């Protein structure tokens, strides 16, 4: 494939004999024909198929899982061949959608691997990883997960994870962060919390303020 600027991009054919297809098949213990069929079904976009062939074996990820990450980042619009190439969006400003997506995917997949190593037994879902990396960036996502881990007993008491195993409490807390806290902060135009307990402490302060107001007191809360 050659861009309008004459830049050549290698396109790996999605066929059983291709070395990248065989590498994925080896890692996932599938037949090469199975890899081809599942990639074609999960990722109709030729560009997204190419991304999978670049990442599938290295991260041992199934095409359906890559689809979840891509749709969380891109929405329903699939990548197109022209997304492979640089695009000018202003004076001295060039963007490359393919590069942006690749960086996001690398961050999300590395986060999943890091969490699985550091918190053995707890598995971060594809969607949670995608949302966290999309909002916080790879390093910020690691920090928010570490902050939850460091205060898991306090967090668990507020998210319904009390008296659960560490792994289960972590899963509940991150699910609460991704599906409850982050949308609520976004709806109010507020930045994402850097420590999950800040959210609950803010709520506690608001509740105390409203109770004091109801009692005719001014507690001095802003």
N, C-alpha and C. Protein backbone atom coordinates (compact mmCIF):
# COMPACT_ATOMS: atom_id res chain seq x y z
N UNK A 1 0.85 -1.18 0.00
CA UNK A 1 0.00 0.00 0.00
C UNK A 1 0.89 1.24 0.00
N UNK A 2 0.57 2.23 -0.87
CA UNK A 2 1.38 3.43 -1.00
C UNK A 2 0.49 4.65 -0.75
N UNK A 3 0.94 5.55 0.11
CA UNK A 3 0.18 6.75 0.43
C UNK A 3 0.27 7.75 -0.70
N UNK A 4 -0.58 8.81 -0.67
CA UNK A 4 -0.47 9.86 -1.69
C UNK A 4 0.90 10.53 -1.70
N UNK A 5 1.62 10.47 -0.56
CA UNK A 5 2.95 11.06 -0.48
C UNK A 5 4.03 10.08 -0.93
N UNK A 6 3.62 8.90 -1.36
CA UNK A 6 4.59 7.92 -1.82
C UNK A 6 5.20 7.07 -0.73
N UNK A 7 4.58 7.11 0.46
CA UNK A 7 5.10 6.32 1.58
C UNK A 7 4.51 4.92 1.52
N UNK A 8 5.38 3.93 1.55
CA UNK A 8 4.92 2.55 1.43
C UNK A 8 4.66 1.95 2.81
N UNK A 9 3.53 1.25 2.95
CA UNK A 9 3.18 0.55 4.18
C UNK A 9 3.02 -0.93 3.88
N UNK A 10 3.67 -1.76 4.67
CA UNK A 10 3.59 -3.20 4.46
C UNK A 10 2.23 -3.71 4.92
N UNK A 11 1.55 -4.44 4.07
CA UNK A 11 0.27 -5.05 4.40
C UNK A 11 0.47 -6.56 4.43
N UNK A 12 0.19 -7.16 5.56
CA UNK A 12 0.37 -8.61 5.72
C UNK A 12 -0.92 -9.32 5.33
N UNK A 13 -0.88 -10.20 4.37
CA UNK A 13 -2.09 -10.89 3.93
C UNK A 13 -2.69 -11.76 5.02
N UNK A 14 -3.99 -11.69 5.16
CA UNK A 14 -4.69 -12.50 6.16
C UNK A 14 -5.00 -13.87 5.55
N UNK A 15 -3.99 -14.69 5.50
CA UNK A 15 -4.10 -16.04 4.95
C UNK A 15 -3.37 -17.01 5.88
N UNK A 16 -3.77 -18.27 5.92
CA UNK A 16 -3.15 -19.23 6.84
C UNK A 16 -1.64 -19.35 6.71
N UNK A 17 -1.11 -19.14 5.50
CA UNK A 17 0.33 -19.32 5.29
C UNK A 17 1.17 -18.15 5.79
N UNK A 18 0.53 -17.02 6.10
CA UNK A 18 1.28 -15.85 6.54
C UNK A 18 1.94 -16.11 7.89
N UNK A 19 3.18 -15.66 8.06
CA UNK A 19 3.94 -15.95 9.28
C UNK A 19 3.29 -15.33 10.52
N UNK A 20 2.68 -14.16 10.36
CA UNK A 20 2.04 -13.53 11.52
C UNK A 20 0.77 -14.29 11.93
N UNK A 21 0.03 -14.78 10.96
CA UNK A 21 -1.14 -15.62 11.27
C UNK A 21 -0.70 -16.88 11.99
N UNK A 22 0.38 -17.48 11.53
CA UNK A 22 0.88 -18.70 12.16
C UNK A 22 1.41 -18.43 13.56
N UNK A 23 1.99 -17.26 13.78
CA UNK A 23 2.48 -16.91 15.11
C UNK A 23 1.32 -16.78 16.10
N UNK A 24 0.23 -16.15 15.65
CA UNK A 24 -0.96 -16.05 16.51
C UNK A 24 -1.52 -17.43 16.79
N UNK A 25 -1.61 -18.26 15.76
CA UNK A 25 -2.14 -19.61 15.92
C UNK A 25 -1.32 -20.39 16.93
N UNK A 26 -0.01 -20.23 16.88
CA UNK A 26 0.87 -20.93 17.83
C UNK A 26 0.62 -20.46 19.26
N UNK A 27 0.51 -19.15 19.45
CA UNK A 27 0.31 -18.61 20.79
C UNK A 27 -1.05 -19.00 21.38
N UNK A 28 -2.08 -18.99 20.55
CA UNK A 28 -3.44 -19.26 21.04
C UNK A 28 -3.83 -20.73 20.90
N UNK A 29 -2.91 -21.52 20.33
CA UNK A 29 -3.18 -22.94 20.12
C UNK A 29 -4.41 -23.15 19.25
N UNK A 30 -4.50 -22.35 18.20
CA UNK A 30 -5.55 -22.46 17.20
C UNK A 30 -4.94 -22.95 15.89
N UNK A 31 -5.79 -23.37 14.98
CA UNK A 31 -5.35 -23.62 13.62
C UNK A 31 -5.25 -22.28 12.90
N UNK A 32 -4.31 -22.12 11.97
CA UNK A 32 -4.21 -20.86 11.21
C UNK A 32 -5.53 -20.49 10.53
N UNK A 33 -6.25 -21.51 10.05
CA UNK A 33 -7.54 -21.23 9.40
C UNK A 33 -8.54 -20.64 10.40
N UNK A 34 -8.46 -21.06 11.65
CA UNK A 34 -9.34 -20.53 12.69
C UNK A 34 -9.01 -19.07 12.96
N UNK A 35 -7.72 -18.75 12.99
CA UNK A 35 -7.31 -17.36 13.18
C UNK A 35 -7.89 -16.49 12.08
N UNK A 36 -7.74 -16.91 10.85
CA UNK A 36 -8.23 -16.13 9.71
C UNK A 36 -9.73 -15.91 9.82
N UNK A 37 -10.48 -16.97 10.10
CA UNK A 37 -11.94 -16.88 10.16
C UNK A 37 -12.40 -15.95 11.29
N UNK A 38 -11.77 -16.06 12.46
CA UNK A 38 -12.20 -15.25 13.59
C UNK A 38 -11.81 -13.79 13.44
N UNK A 39 -10.66 -13.54 12.83
CA UNK A 39 -10.25 -12.16 12.58
C UNK A 39 -11.19 -11.51 11.57
N UNK A 40 -11.53 -12.22 10.52
CA UNK A 40 -12.42 -11.68 9.50
C UNK A 40 -13.80 -11.37 10.09
N UNK A 41 -14.27 -12.21 10.99
CA UNK A 41 -15.59 -12.01 11.58
C UNK A 41 -15.59 -10.86 12.58
N UNK A 42 -14.57 -10.81 13.44
CA UNK A 42 -14.53 -9.79 14.50
C UNK A 42 -14.10 -8.43 13.97
N UNK A 43 -13.21 -8.43 12.97
CA UNK A 43 -12.61 -7.19 12.49
C UNK A 43 -12.73 -7.09 10.97
N UNK A 44 -13.87 -6.67 10.47
CA UNK A 44 -14.05 -6.58 9.01
C UNK A 44 -13.11 -5.57 8.36
N UNK A 45 -12.71 -4.54 9.10
CA UNK A 45 -11.82 -3.52 8.54
C UNK A 45 -10.44 -4.10 8.26
N UNK A 46 -9.95 -3.91 7.04
CA UNK A 46 -8.62 -4.41 6.68
C UNK A 46 -7.55 -3.77 7.56
N UNK A 47 -7.71 -2.50 7.88
CA UNK A 47 -6.74 -1.81 8.73
C UNK A 47 -6.71 -2.43 10.12
N UNK A 48 -7.88 -2.70 10.68
CA UNK A 48 -7.94 -3.29 12.02
C UNK A 48 -7.42 -4.73 12.01
N UNK A 49 -7.59 -5.41 10.90
CA UNK A 49 -6.98 -6.73 10.75
C UNK A 49 -5.46 -6.62 10.80
N UNK A 50 -4.93 -5.59 10.17
CA UNK A 50 -3.48 -5.39 10.17
C UNK A 50 -2.96 -5.10 11.58
N UNK A 51 -3.73 -4.33 12.34
CA UNK A 51 -3.35 -4.07 13.73
C UNK A 51 -3.31 -5.37 14.50
N UNK A 52 -4.31 -6.20 14.28
CA UNK A 52 -4.34 -7.48 15.00
C UNK A 52 -3.13 -8.34 14.66
N UNK A 53 -2.78 -8.38 13.39
CA UNK A 53 -1.63 -9.20 12.98
C UNK A 53 -0.33 -8.69 13.58
N UNK A 54 -0.28 -7.41 13.92
CA UNK A 54 0.90 -6.85 14.54
C UNK A 54 0.94 -7.10 16.05
N UNK A 55 -0.23 -7.23 16.68
CA UNK A 55 -0.30 -7.32 18.14
C UNK A 55 -0.73 -8.68 18.68
N UNK A 56 -1.44 -9.43 17.86
CA UNK A 56 -2.08 -10.66 18.36
C UNK A 56 -1.14 -11.63 19.03
N UNK A 57 -0.02 -11.94 18.38
CA UNK A 57 0.90 -12.93 18.95
C UNK A 57 1.65 -12.37 20.15
N UNK A 58 2.09 -11.12 20.06
CA UNK A 58 2.88 -10.53 21.15
C UNK A 58 2.10 -10.48 22.46
N UNK A 59 0.81 -10.11 22.38
CA UNK A 59 0.01 -9.95 23.59
C UNK A 59 -0.94 -11.14 23.83
N UNK A 60 -0.90 -12.12 22.95
CA UNK A 60 -1.76 -13.31 23.08
C UNK A 60 -3.22 -12.90 23.26
N UNK A 61 -3.65 -12.00 22.41
CA UNK A 61 -5.00 -11.44 22.50
C UNK A 61 -5.87 -12.01 21.39
N UNK A 62 -7.10 -12.30 21.71
CA UNK A 62 -8.03 -12.80 20.71
C UNK A 62 -8.60 -11.63 19.92
N UNK A 63 -9.00 -11.86 18.67
CA UNK A 63 -9.52 -10.77 17.84
C UNK A 63 -10.76 -10.11 18.43
N UNK A 64 -11.59 -10.89 19.12
CA UNK A 64 -12.79 -10.33 19.74
C UNK A 64 -12.43 -9.35 20.85
N UNK A 65 -11.33 -9.62 21.55
CA UNK A 65 -10.88 -8.72 22.61
C UNK A 65 -10.33 -7.42 22.02
N UNK A 66 -9.59 -7.54 20.92
CA UNK A 66 -9.10 -6.33 20.25
C UNK A 66 -10.26 -5.48 19.76
N UNK A 67 -11.30 -6.14 19.29
CA UNK A 67 -12.49 -5.42 18.83
C UNK A 67 -13.06 -4.57 19.97
N UNK A 68 -13.14 -5.12 21.17
CA UNK A 68 -13.67 -4.37 22.32
C UNK A 68 -12.84 -3.12 22.58
N UNK A 69 -11.51 -3.26 22.54
CA UNK A 69 -10.64 -2.12 22.77
C UNK A 69 -10.82 -1.06 21.69
N UNK A 70 -10.87 -1.48 20.44
CA UNK A 70 -11.00 -0.54 19.34
C UNK A 70 -12.32 0.21 19.38
N UNK A 71 -13.40 -0.50 19.66
CA UNK A 71 -14.70 0.16 19.67
C UNK A 71 -14.82 1.12 20.86
N UNK A 72 -14.17 0.81 21.95
CA UNK A 72 -14.20 1.71 23.10
C UNK A 72 -13.45 3.00 22.78
N UNK A 73 -12.38 2.90 22.01
CA UNK A 73 -11.55 4.05 21.69
C UNK A 73 -12.10 4.83 20.49
N UNK A 74 -12.57 4.11 19.49
CA UNK A 74 -12.97 4.74 18.23
C UNK A 74 -14.47 4.90 18.08
N UNK A 75 -15.26 4.17 18.87
CA UNK A 75 -16.69 4.14 18.63
C UNK A 75 -16.99 3.18 17.49
N UNK A 76 -18.15 3.31 16.88
CA UNK A 76 -18.54 2.35 15.83
C UNK A 76 -17.77 2.51 14.52
N UNK A 77 -17.13 3.66 14.32
CA UNK A 77 -16.46 3.90 13.04
C UNK A 77 -15.16 3.10 12.96
N UNK A 78 -15.06 2.26 11.93
CA UNK A 78 -13.87 1.43 11.77
C UNK A 78 -12.76 2.21 11.07
N UNK A 79 -11.54 1.79 11.30
CA UNK A 79 -10.39 2.42 10.64
C UNK A 79 -10.42 2.14 9.14
N UNK A 80 -9.96 3.12 8.38
CA UNK A 80 -9.94 3.02 6.92
C UNK A 80 -8.49 3.03 6.43
N UNK A 81 -8.24 2.57 5.20
CA UNK A 81 -6.86 2.54 4.69
C UNK A 81 -6.13 3.87 4.78
N UNK A 82 -6.85 4.97 4.56
CA UNK A 82 -6.18 6.27 4.61
C UNK A 82 -5.71 6.64 6.02
N UNK A 83 -6.23 5.94 7.03
CA UNK A 83 -5.79 6.21 8.40
C UNK A 83 -4.37 5.74 8.66
N UNK A 84 -3.82 4.97 7.75
CA UNK A 84 -2.42 4.55 7.87
C UNK A 84 -1.46 5.74 7.74
N UNK A 85 -1.91 6.79 7.07
CA UNK A 85 -0.98 7.83 6.64
C UNK A 85 -1.17 9.13 7.41
N UNK A 86 -0.10 9.94 7.42
CA UNK A 86 -0.13 11.24 8.08
C UNK A 86 -1.16 12.16 7.40
N UNK A 87 -1.76 13.03 8.24
CA UNK A 87 -2.75 13.98 7.71
C UNK A 87 -2.50 15.34 8.35
N UNK A 88 -2.43 16.37 7.52
CA UNK A 88 -2.24 17.72 8.03
C UNK A 88 -3.57 18.27 8.52
N UNK A 89 -3.58 18.76 9.77
CA UNK A 89 -4.81 19.33 10.34
C UNK A 89 -4.62 20.81 10.65
N UNK A 90 -3.48 21.34 10.34
CA UNK A 90 -3.19 22.74 10.59
C UNK A 90 -1.75 23.03 10.23
N UNK A 91 -1.37 24.27 10.38
CA UNK A 91 -0.01 24.66 10.04
C UNK A 91 0.98 23.97 10.97
N UNK A 92 1.88 23.23 10.40
CA UNK A 92 2.92 22.50 11.15
C UNK A 92 2.32 21.48 12.13
N UNK A 93 1.10 21.02 11.85
CA UNK A 93 0.47 20.04 12.73
C UNK A 93 0.01 18.84 11.89
N UNK A 94 0.60 17.70 12.18
CA UNK A 94 0.29 16.47 11.44
C UNK A 94 -0.17 15.40 12.41
N UNK A 95 -1.23 14.70 12.06
CA UNK A 95 -1.72 13.62 12.90
C UNK A 95 -1.75 12.33 12.09
N UNK A 96 -1.69 11.23 12.79
CA UNK A 96 -1.78 9.92 12.17
C UNK A 96 -2.68 9.07 13.06
N UNK A 97 -3.87 8.80 12.58
CA UNK A 97 -4.87 8.10 13.39
C UNK A 97 -4.41 6.70 13.73
N UNK A 98 -3.76 6.05 12.79
CA UNK A 98 -3.27 4.70 13.02
C UNK A 98 -2.27 4.69 14.17
N UNK A 99 -1.37 5.66 14.19
CA UNK A 99 -0.38 5.75 15.27
C UNK A 99 -1.04 6.00 16.60
N UNK A 100 -2.04 6.88 16.62
CA UNK A 100 -2.76 7.17 17.86
C UNK A 100 -3.43 5.91 18.41
N UNK A 101 -4.06 5.16 17.52
CA UNK A 101 -4.73 3.93 17.94
C UNK A 101 -3.72 2.91 18.44
N UNK A 102 -2.61 2.78 17.72
CA UNK A 102 -1.58 1.82 18.12
C UNK A 102 -1.02 2.14 19.51
N UNK A 103 -0.81 3.43 19.78
CA UNK A 103 -0.30 3.84 21.09
C UNK A 103 -1.31 3.55 22.19
N UNK A 104 -2.59 3.80 21.90
CA UNK A 104 -3.64 3.50 22.87
C UNK A 104 -3.69 2.00 23.16
N UNK A 105 -3.66 1.20 22.11
CA UNK A 105 -3.75 -0.24 22.28
C UNK A 105 -2.55 -0.78 23.07
N UNK A 106 -1.38 -0.27 22.75
CA UNK A 106 -0.18 -0.70 23.48
C UNK A 106 -0.31 -0.36 24.96
N UNK A 107 -0.82 0.84 25.26
CA UNK A 107 -1.00 1.24 26.65
C UNK A 107 -2.01 0.37 27.37
N UNK A 108 -3.13 0.08 26.72
CA UNK A 108 -4.17 -0.74 27.34
C UNK A 108 -3.70 -2.18 27.56
N UNK A 109 -3.04 -2.75 26.57
CA UNK A 109 -2.58 -4.13 26.68
C UNK A 109 -1.45 -4.27 27.70
N UNK A 110 -0.56 -3.29 27.73
CA UNK A 110 0.50 -3.32 28.74
C UNK A 110 -0.08 -3.18 30.14
N UNK A 111 -1.12 -2.36 30.28
CA UNK A 111 -1.78 -2.20 31.59
C UNK A 111 -2.38 -3.53 32.04
N UNK A 112 -3.05 -4.21 31.14
CA UNK A 112 -3.65 -5.51 31.48
C UNK A 112 -2.58 -6.50 31.92
N UNK A 113 -1.48 -6.55 31.19
CA UNK A 113 -0.39 -7.45 31.54
C UNK A 113 0.23 -7.07 32.88
N UNK A 114 0.45 -5.79 33.12
CA UNK A 114 1.07 -5.33 34.36
C UNK A 114 0.19 -5.67 35.56
N UNK A 115 -1.10 -5.44 35.41
CA UNK A 115 -2.03 -5.74 36.50
C UNK A 115 -2.05 -7.23 36.80
N UNK A 116 -2.04 -8.06 35.76
CA UNK A 116 -2.07 -9.51 35.95
C UNK A 116 -0.83 -10.01 36.67
N UNK A 117 0.30 -9.31 36.47
CA UNK A 117 1.55 -9.70 37.12
C UNK A 117 1.61 -9.19 38.56
N UNK A 118 1.26 -7.93 38.76
CA UNK A 118 1.39 -7.32 40.09
C UNK A 118 0.26 -7.74 41.03
N UNK A 119 -0.91 -8.02 40.46
CA UNK A 119 -2.05 -8.42 41.29
C UNK A 119 -2.53 -9.78 40.81
N UNK A 120 -1.73 -10.78 41.05
CA UNK A 120 -2.02 -12.13 40.57
C UNK A 120 -3.39 -12.59 41.06
N UNK A 121 -4.20 -13.04 40.13
CA UNK A 121 -5.54 -13.50 40.48
C UNK A 121 -6.61 -12.51 40.09
N UNK A 122 -6.23 -11.24 39.97
CA UNK A 122 -7.18 -10.21 39.55
C UNK A 122 -6.97 -9.91 38.08
N UNK A 123 -8.03 -10.02 37.30
CA UNK A 123 -7.94 -9.78 35.85
C UNK A 123 -8.70 -8.51 35.50
N UNK A 124 -8.01 -7.56 34.90
CA UNK A 124 -8.63 -6.31 34.47
C UNK A 124 -9.34 -6.56 33.14
N UNK A 125 -10.60 -6.17 33.06
CA UNK A 125 -11.35 -6.42 31.83
C UNK A 125 -10.85 -5.52 30.70
N UNK A 126 -11.11 -5.94 29.47
CA UNK A 126 -10.71 -5.16 28.31
C UNK A 126 -11.37 -3.79 28.33
N UNK A 127 -12.64 -3.74 28.65
CA UNK A 127 -13.34 -2.45 28.64
C UNK A 127 -12.80 -1.53 29.73
N UNK A 128 -12.58 -2.05 30.93
CA UNK A 128 -12.05 -1.21 32.00
C UNK A 128 -10.68 -0.67 31.63
N UNK A 129 -9.84 -1.52 31.07
CA UNK A 129 -8.51 -1.07 30.65
C UNK A 129 -8.62 0.02 29.60
N UNK A 130 -9.52 -0.16 28.65
CA UNK A 130 -9.69 0.82 27.58
C UNK A 130 -10.16 2.16 28.13
N UNK A 131 -11.15 2.13 29.01
CA UNK A 131 -11.69 3.37 29.57
C UNK A 131 -10.63 4.09 30.40
N UNK A 132 -9.92 3.34 31.25
CA UNK A 132 -8.92 3.95 32.13
C UNK A 132 -7.78 4.57 31.33
N UNK A 133 -7.28 3.86 30.33
CA UNK A 133 -6.17 4.39 29.52
C UNK A 133 -6.65 5.57 28.67
N UNK A 134 -7.85 5.50 28.17
CA UNK A 134 -8.39 6.57 27.35
C UNK A 134 -8.52 7.87 28.15
N UNK A 135 -8.89 7.75 29.43
CA UNK A 135 -9.12 8.93 30.27
C UNK A 135 -7.85 9.38 30.99
N UNK A 136 -7.13 8.43 31.57
CA UNK A 136 -5.98 8.77 32.41
C UNK A 136 -4.64 8.68 31.69
N UNK A 137 -4.61 7.96 30.56
CA UNK A 137 -3.32 7.64 29.96
C UNK A 137 -2.75 6.42 30.67
N UNK A 138 -1.77 5.73 30.07
CA UNK A 138 -1.23 4.50 30.67
C UNK A 138 -0.69 4.68 32.09
N UNK A 139 0.11 5.71 32.32
CA UNK A 139 0.69 5.91 33.65
C UNK A 139 -0.36 6.31 34.66
N UNK A 140 -1.28 7.18 34.27
CA UNK A 140 -2.35 7.58 35.18
C UNK A 140 -3.25 6.42 35.54
N UNK A 141 -3.50 5.53 34.57
CA UNK A 141 -4.34 4.36 34.84
C UNK A 141 -3.68 3.44 35.87
N UNK A 142 -2.37 3.27 35.75
CA UNK A 142 -1.64 2.46 36.73
C UNK A 142 -1.75 3.08 38.12
N UNK A 143 -1.63 4.40 38.19
CA UNK A 143 -1.66 5.08 39.49
C UNK A 143 -3.02 4.95 40.16
N UNK A 144 -4.10 5.08 39.41
CA UNK A 144 -5.43 4.99 40.02
C UNK A 144 -5.69 3.57 40.51
N UNK A 145 -5.19 2.57 39.77
CA UNK A 145 -5.34 1.18 40.22
C UNK A 145 -4.52 0.94 41.47
N UNK A 146 -3.30 1.47 41.51
CA UNK A 146 -2.45 1.32 42.70
C UNK A 146 -3.08 2.00 43.90
N UNK A 147 -3.73 3.15 43.68
CA UNK A 147 -4.36 3.86 44.80
C UNK A 147 -5.53 3.07 45.37
N UNK A 148 -6.24 2.37 44.50
CA UNK A 148 -7.34 1.52 44.97
C UNK A 148 -6.78 0.36 45.79
N UNK A 149 -5.73 -0.25 45.28
CA UNK A 149 -5.11 -1.38 45.98
C UNK A 149 -4.61 -0.97 47.36
N UNK A 150 -4.00 0.21 47.45
CA UNK A 150 -3.41 0.66 48.71
C UNK A 150 -4.47 0.92 49.79
N UNK A 151 -5.70 1.20 49.36
CA UNK A 151 -6.76 1.53 50.33
C UNK A 151 -7.97 0.63 50.11
N UNK A 152 -7.71 -0.63 49.77
CA UNK A 152 -8.79 -1.51 49.35
C UNK A 152 -9.83 -1.74 50.44
N UNK A 153 -9.43 -1.74 51.72
CA UNK A 153 -10.42 -1.95 52.78
C UNK A 153 -11.38 -0.76 52.86
N UNK A 154 -10.83 0.46 52.78
CA UNK A 154 -11.68 1.65 52.79
C UNK A 154 -12.55 1.70 51.55
N UNK A 155 -11.95 1.44 50.42
CA UNK A 155 -12.68 1.48 49.15
C UNK A 155 -13.76 0.41 49.14
N UNK A 156 -13.40 -0.79 49.60
CA UNK A 156 -14.37 -1.88 49.61
C UNK A 156 -15.59 -1.57 50.45
N UNK A 157 -15.38 -0.85 51.55
CA UNK A 157 -16.49 -0.50 52.43
C UNK A 157 -17.48 0.45 51.74
N UNK A 158 -17.01 1.18 50.72
CA UNK A 158 -17.87 2.14 50.03
C UNK A 158 -18.41 1.61 48.72
N UNK A 159 -17.82 0.55 48.20
CA UNK A 159 -18.24 0.05 46.88
C UNK A 159 -18.92 -1.31 46.94
N UNK A 160 -19.07 -1.85 48.13
CA UNK A 160 -19.70 -3.16 48.26
C UNK A 160 -18.74 -4.31 48.22
N UNK A 161 -17.45 -4.03 48.45
CA UNK A 161 -16.46 -5.10 48.40
C UNK A 161 -15.99 -5.59 49.75
N UNK A 162 -16.67 -5.15 50.82
CA UNK A 162 -16.28 -5.59 52.16
C UNK A 162 -16.46 -7.10 52.30
N UNK A 163 -15.56 -7.69 53.06
CA UNK A 163 -15.61 -9.13 53.35
C UNK A 163 -15.50 -9.98 52.09
N UNK A 164 -14.93 -9.40 51.05
CA UNK A 164 -14.65 -10.15 49.83
C UNK A 164 -13.15 -10.37 49.73
N UNK A 165 -12.75 -11.31 48.89
CA UNK A 165 -11.33 -11.50 48.65
C UNK A 165 -10.74 -10.24 48.03
N UNK A 166 -9.42 -10.10 48.11
CA UNK A 166 -8.78 -8.92 47.53
C UNK A 166 -9.11 -8.80 46.05
N UNK A 167 -9.00 -9.90 45.32
CA UNK A 167 -9.24 -9.88 43.88
C UNK A 167 -10.66 -9.42 43.57
N UNK A 168 -11.62 -9.96 44.32
CA UNK A 168 -13.01 -9.61 44.09
C UNK A 168 -13.28 -8.15 44.46
N UNK A 169 -12.71 -7.71 45.57
CA UNK A 169 -12.89 -6.32 46.00
C UNK A 169 -12.30 -5.35 44.98
N UNK A 170 -11.15 -5.71 44.40
CA UNK A 170 -10.54 -4.87 43.38
C UNK A 170 -11.44 -4.78 42.14
N UNK A 171 -11.98 -5.91 41.74
CA UNK A 171 -12.86 -5.93 40.57
C UNK A 171 -14.09 -5.07 40.78
N UNK A 172 -14.68 -5.17 41.96
CA UNK A 172 -15.87 -4.37 42.27
C UNK A 172 -15.54 -2.89 42.28
N UNK A 173 -14.41 -2.54 42.89
CA UNK A 173 -14.02 -1.13 43.01
C UNK A 173 -13.74 -0.52 41.64
N UNK A 174 -13.02 -1.23 40.79
CA UNK A 174 -12.71 -0.69 39.46
C UNK A 174 -13.97 -0.60 38.61
N UNK A 175 -14.85 -1.57 38.74
CA UNK A 175 -16.13 -1.51 38.03
C UNK A 175 -16.92 -0.28 38.49
N UNK A 176 -16.90 0.00 39.78
CA UNK A 176 -17.61 1.16 40.32
C UNK A 176 -16.99 2.45 39.79
N UNK A 177 -15.66 2.49 39.74
CA UNK A 177 -14.96 3.67 39.23
C UNK A 177 -15.33 3.92 37.77
N UNK A 178 -15.26 2.89 36.96
CA UNK A 178 -15.46 3.04 35.51
C UNK A 178 -16.92 3.31 35.16
N UNK A 179 -17.84 2.66 35.85
CA UNK A 179 -19.26 2.73 35.47
C UNK A 179 -20.10 3.71 36.27
N UNK A 180 -19.59 4.15 37.42
CA UNK A 180 -20.35 5.08 38.25
C UNK A 180 -19.63 6.41 38.42
N UNK A 181 -18.41 6.37 38.95
CA UNK A 181 -17.72 7.61 39.30
C UNK A 181 -17.33 8.41 38.05
N UNK A 182 -16.67 7.75 37.10
CA UNK A 182 -16.17 8.48 35.93
C UNK A 182 -17.30 9.10 35.11
N UNK A 183 -18.41 8.39 34.83
CA UNK A 183 -19.50 9.04 34.11
C UNK A 183 -20.11 10.21 34.88
N UNK A 184 -20.21 10.07 36.21
CA UNK A 184 -20.80 11.15 37.01
C UNK A 184 -19.91 12.40 36.98
N UNK A 185 -18.59 12.20 37.09
CA UNK A 185 -17.67 13.33 37.03
C UNK A 185 -17.75 13.99 35.65
N UNK A 186 -17.83 13.18 34.62
CA UNK A 186 -17.89 13.70 33.25
C UNK A 186 -19.19 14.47 33.02
N UNK A 187 -20.29 13.96 33.55
CA UNK A 187 -21.59 14.63 33.38
C UNK A 187 -21.60 16.01 34.03
N UNK A 188 -20.81 16.18 35.09
CA UNK A 188 -20.75 17.46 35.79
C UNK A 188 -19.57 18.32 35.32
N UNK A 189 -18.89 17.87 34.26
CA UNK A 189 -17.78 18.63 33.73
C UNK A 189 -16.59 18.70 34.66
N UNK A 190 -16.43 17.70 35.51
CA UNK A 190 -15.34 17.68 36.48
C UNK A 190 -14.21 16.76 35.99
N UNK A 191 -12.97 17.03 36.38
CA UNK A 191 -11.86 16.17 35.98
C UNK A 191 -11.96 14.82 36.68
N UNK A 192 -11.41 13.78 36.10
CA UNK A 192 -11.46 12.46 36.74
C UNK A 192 -10.70 12.46 38.06
N UNK A 193 -11.21 11.71 39.02
CA UNK A 193 -10.56 11.65 40.34
C UNK A 193 -9.20 10.98 40.20
N UNK A 194 -8.25 11.44 41.02
CA UNK A 194 -6.93 10.84 41.04
C UNK A 194 -6.81 9.80 42.15
N UNK A 195 -7.71 9.85 43.09
CA UNK A 195 -7.80 8.86 44.16
C UNK A 195 -9.28 8.59 44.36
N UNK A 196 -9.68 7.34 44.27
CA UNK A 196 -11.10 7.00 44.32
C UNK A 196 -11.76 7.46 45.62
N UNK A 197 -10.98 7.51 46.72
CA UNK A 197 -11.56 7.92 48.00
C UNK A 197 -11.89 9.41 48.01
N UNK A 198 -11.26 10.19 47.13
CA UNK A 198 -11.62 11.62 47.04
C UNK A 198 -13.09 11.78 46.68
N UNK A 199 -13.59 10.90 45.83
CA UNK A 199 -14.99 10.96 45.42
C UNK A 199 -15.90 10.79 46.63
N UNK A 200 -15.61 9.79 47.45
CA UNK A 200 -16.46 9.53 48.61
C UNK A 200 -16.31 10.62 49.67
N UNK A 201 -15.11 11.15 49.83
CA UNK A 201 -14.90 12.22 50.79
C UNK A 201 -15.64 13.48 50.37
N UNK A 202 -15.68 13.76 49.08
CA UNK A 202 -16.45 14.90 48.58
C UNK A 202 -17.94 14.71 48.83
N UNK A 203 -18.41 13.48 48.61
CA UNK A 203 -19.82 13.19 48.87
C UNK A 203 -20.13 13.36 50.35
N UNK A 204 -19.24 12.85 51.22
CA UNK A 204 -19.45 12.98 52.67
C UNK A 204 -19.55 14.46 53.06
N UNK A 205 -18.66 15.26 52.48
CA UNK A 205 -18.68 16.69 52.79
C UNK A 205 -19.97 17.34 52.34
N UNK A 206 -20.47 16.96 51.15
CA UNK A 206 -21.72 17.51 50.65
C UNK A 206 -22.89 17.09 51.52
N UNK A 207 -22.90 15.83 51.95
CA UNK A 207 -23.98 15.34 52.81
C UNK A 207 -23.99 16.10 54.13
N UNK A 208 -22.79 16.28 54.72
CA UNK A 208 -22.73 17.01 56.00
C UNK A 208 -23.21 18.44 55.81
N UNK A 209 -22.83 19.05 54.69
CA UNK A 209 -23.26 20.42 54.42
C UNK A 209 -24.78 20.50 54.31
N UNK A 210 -25.38 19.58 53.57
CA UNK A 210 -26.83 19.59 53.39
C UNK A 210 -27.56 19.32 54.70
N UNK A 211 -26.99 18.43 55.53
CA UNK A 211 -27.62 18.15 56.83
C UNK A 211 -27.56 19.38 57.73
N UNK A 212 -26.41 20.06 57.73
CA UNK A 212 -26.27 21.25 58.56
C UNK A 212 -27.18 22.37 58.07
N UNK A 213 -27.32 22.48 56.74
CA UNK A 213 -28.22 23.49 56.19
C UNK A 213 -29.66 23.20 56.61
N UNK A 214 -30.02 21.91 56.62
CA UNK A 214 -31.38 21.53 57.01
C UNK A 214 -31.64 21.84 58.47
N UNK A 215 -30.56 21.81 59.26
CA UNK A 215 -30.68 22.11 60.69
C UNK A 215 -30.52 23.60 60.98
N UNK A 216 -30.31 24.39 59.92
CA UNK A 216 -30.13 25.81 60.12
C UNK A 216 -28.75 26.21 60.55
N UNK A 217 -27.75 25.35 60.30
CA UNK A 217 -26.40 25.66 60.68
C UNK A 217 -25.57 25.96 59.44
N UNK A 218 -24.48 26.69 59.63
CA UNK A 218 -23.55 26.96 58.55
C UNK A 218 -22.22 26.38 58.95
N UNK A 219 -21.90 25.21 58.36
CA UNK A 219 -20.67 24.51 58.75
C UNK A 219 -19.45 25.06 58.03
N UNK A 220 -19.66 25.98 57.11
CA UNK A 220 -18.52 26.58 56.41
C UNK A 220 -18.03 25.80 55.22
N UNK A 221 -18.80 24.82 54.74
CA UNK A 221 -18.38 24.07 53.57
C UNK A 221 -18.64 24.89 52.32
N UNK A 222 -17.77 24.74 51.38
CA UNK A 222 -17.95 25.44 50.10
C UNK A 222 -18.66 24.53 49.12
